[in-house]
Structure formats: C-alpha cells, structure tokens
Amino acid sequence: MTGGGTTDETAEYVGSSRSEPEDGSEETPEPGTRAAEVLTEPLIGPDPQAAAFFDLDNTMIQGASLFYLAKGLYQRDFFPTRLIFRGLWLQAYFRFIGKENPEHIAEAQAASLGFITGHTVEEIKQAGEEIYEESIAPRIWPGTRAIAQMHLDAGHQVWLVTAAPAEMAGIIAARLGITGALGTQADVENGVYTGRLDGGLLHGPAKATAVRDLAERHGFDLARCFAYSDSHNDLPLLSLVGHPCAVNPDAGLLAHAEEHDWQIRDYRTGRRAVKVGALGAGTLGATAGAVMAGLAIRRHLKG
C-alpha cells in the first residue's frame, strides 16, 4: 500500500472504437472526438508551481470505477451478489443526491470495504491490473487524456483525486503515465484488508482538503493550479484552484460553471440526459437507480 507518501485520510500513489457502455453512462464518442478543441487552450504552459487535479469517474473515464472494480472482483469470486446492490445504491445516492448524511457515509464505507475485506493487498492489486485492461482502458475519455498530456508536456504534476480505492486509483495513474493519485485508503494488517478505512472516504470537501495538503507538501500555488471534474459534489475542489474546468458536467456543475464563467469541456455525444443504470438516479430517484444498478451488473456478471 505504498507508492508515495500517505496522509491520514488518503493514499498518495506516484506513479478504438468502444462498446455500448454497460454501466449506464451516456453514449461514447469515437476515440479522439472533440479532443482537438483543447489543443488551443491558452492557459496550460510551463509553470513549476502549477499542477493539475483530475476527478476519475465520468471525468477521466466513462462510467464508474467502482462498477468496473465490483464487476471484475465478482467475476473472480471475491464477494457475494448482495454486496453489489448495497454498494452501488450508496454510490448512486452520493453521486446524485450529494448529501453528507453521516449514517449514509458509514454505510457507504462498510459497503465499499465489503468488496475487499479479508483479501490481501497483492490479490487486489493483481485483480486491479487485469480489470484495468478489461474494463477501464477502453473507456478513457480521449479528450480528458489529451488535456492531462498537455499538462505533463508543460512540466506540471498531474494527479487523480478520487473516492475510488487508492490501489485502483494508483494503477490507473501509473497506466496513464501521470504523476500519481489520491484515493480512499483501506486499513491493512499483515497485508490483509481489515474491513476498516484508514481515515474517511475521499469525497466532496475531503478532496479539497487532500489537495490542499498535497499542495503544501509539493509547493504548488493553488491559484495557478487546474482542476477537472464532472460532478457538483466536487465544487469544493474546483473552487480551490485558479483554473477550474467542468468536464462532462452534471446539471448542477454545468449551471455553476456557466454562472462563474468556468471552462467547460463535454466529450459526450447526443443529448445531455440524466444518467441511469449502474449509476442511475437523477429524476428517477436513487432507489430506482439502485435497482437498475443491480440488474445491470447481474446481466453482465460473466460478460
């Protein structure tokens, strides 16, 4: 569970045509579609005090990393079906309702940990590498990846900042060739996951806190830094930096970005519809989304 330093709440990891999205996210553009529009971005240039922070789900990748991880672990007999419904209902609640109810946070922590409790770190890392190749690599948004590469070419550090498990976030960061990742840290004893978190979920305001701490350690000037996200839940992070950008934004973030004249990048095709399915909620409500999430996963358990 190393690969950089650690903070109290997060782990710091340094590091084609697509199929119909099975996770219920919106239609995927052809690789490279609309990516070229970022090439004229005037703000990204050499600056040793600048860094770029990217959300993961629906920002760097299409869909939810937890969905792909859960599906992959289920296929490998890591946990029973009942955990799928519990864990993804809670993810849907956070994503679309966005309320920080302590009871729901505790439930989300327990559900997320249920996927890996009792397994070794090495087991999860090995499975995570395979799951990346199977499900995540084909779903990287080309436009977002192009922006990240522009930051790397300018000499900036580039970080993923996500509520996803730190190990999975670290694998994705390493495969993308970016600097590292901040993710939710699970507690480990003797190389085995205990079922507890080492700190809290890296969600909402916790992301902003983690990035502020990272900036202090690395000497970044946040007023010269960049942040990218699709979700209104990440407004604390986006508001922390001098150059926020809404990527594939949900309705709440889109309204805020337009009001504050933030940059907006949307790599989706077709109409901007409320996402349903594995992340479903929106106007249908989180409960309906949870049912659809479970059914979607069960349809694709071995496929």
Foldseek 3Di string as FASTA:
>chain_A
DAQDDCDQWWHKHFAADDDADLQQFFDADGAPVPLVVCVVVPQQAADQQAAEEEEPDLWFFDHDPLLLLLLLLVLVVQADLVLQLQQLLLLLCCFAVVDPDVVSQVSNLLSSLRSFAFHFPVVSLVSLLVSCVVPTVSGGRNNSLSVQVSNVVNVHAYEYEYLPEQSNRQSVCNVSVGGIYIYGAFDDDPRGGHSHTSHGGSWQLNSLVVVVVVCVVSVHDQQSYEYEEAGPSNPSNQVRHNAYEHELHDPVVVVVCVVVVHHYHYRGDDDSDQGAALSHAPPNHSVNRSVRNSVSSVVVSPD
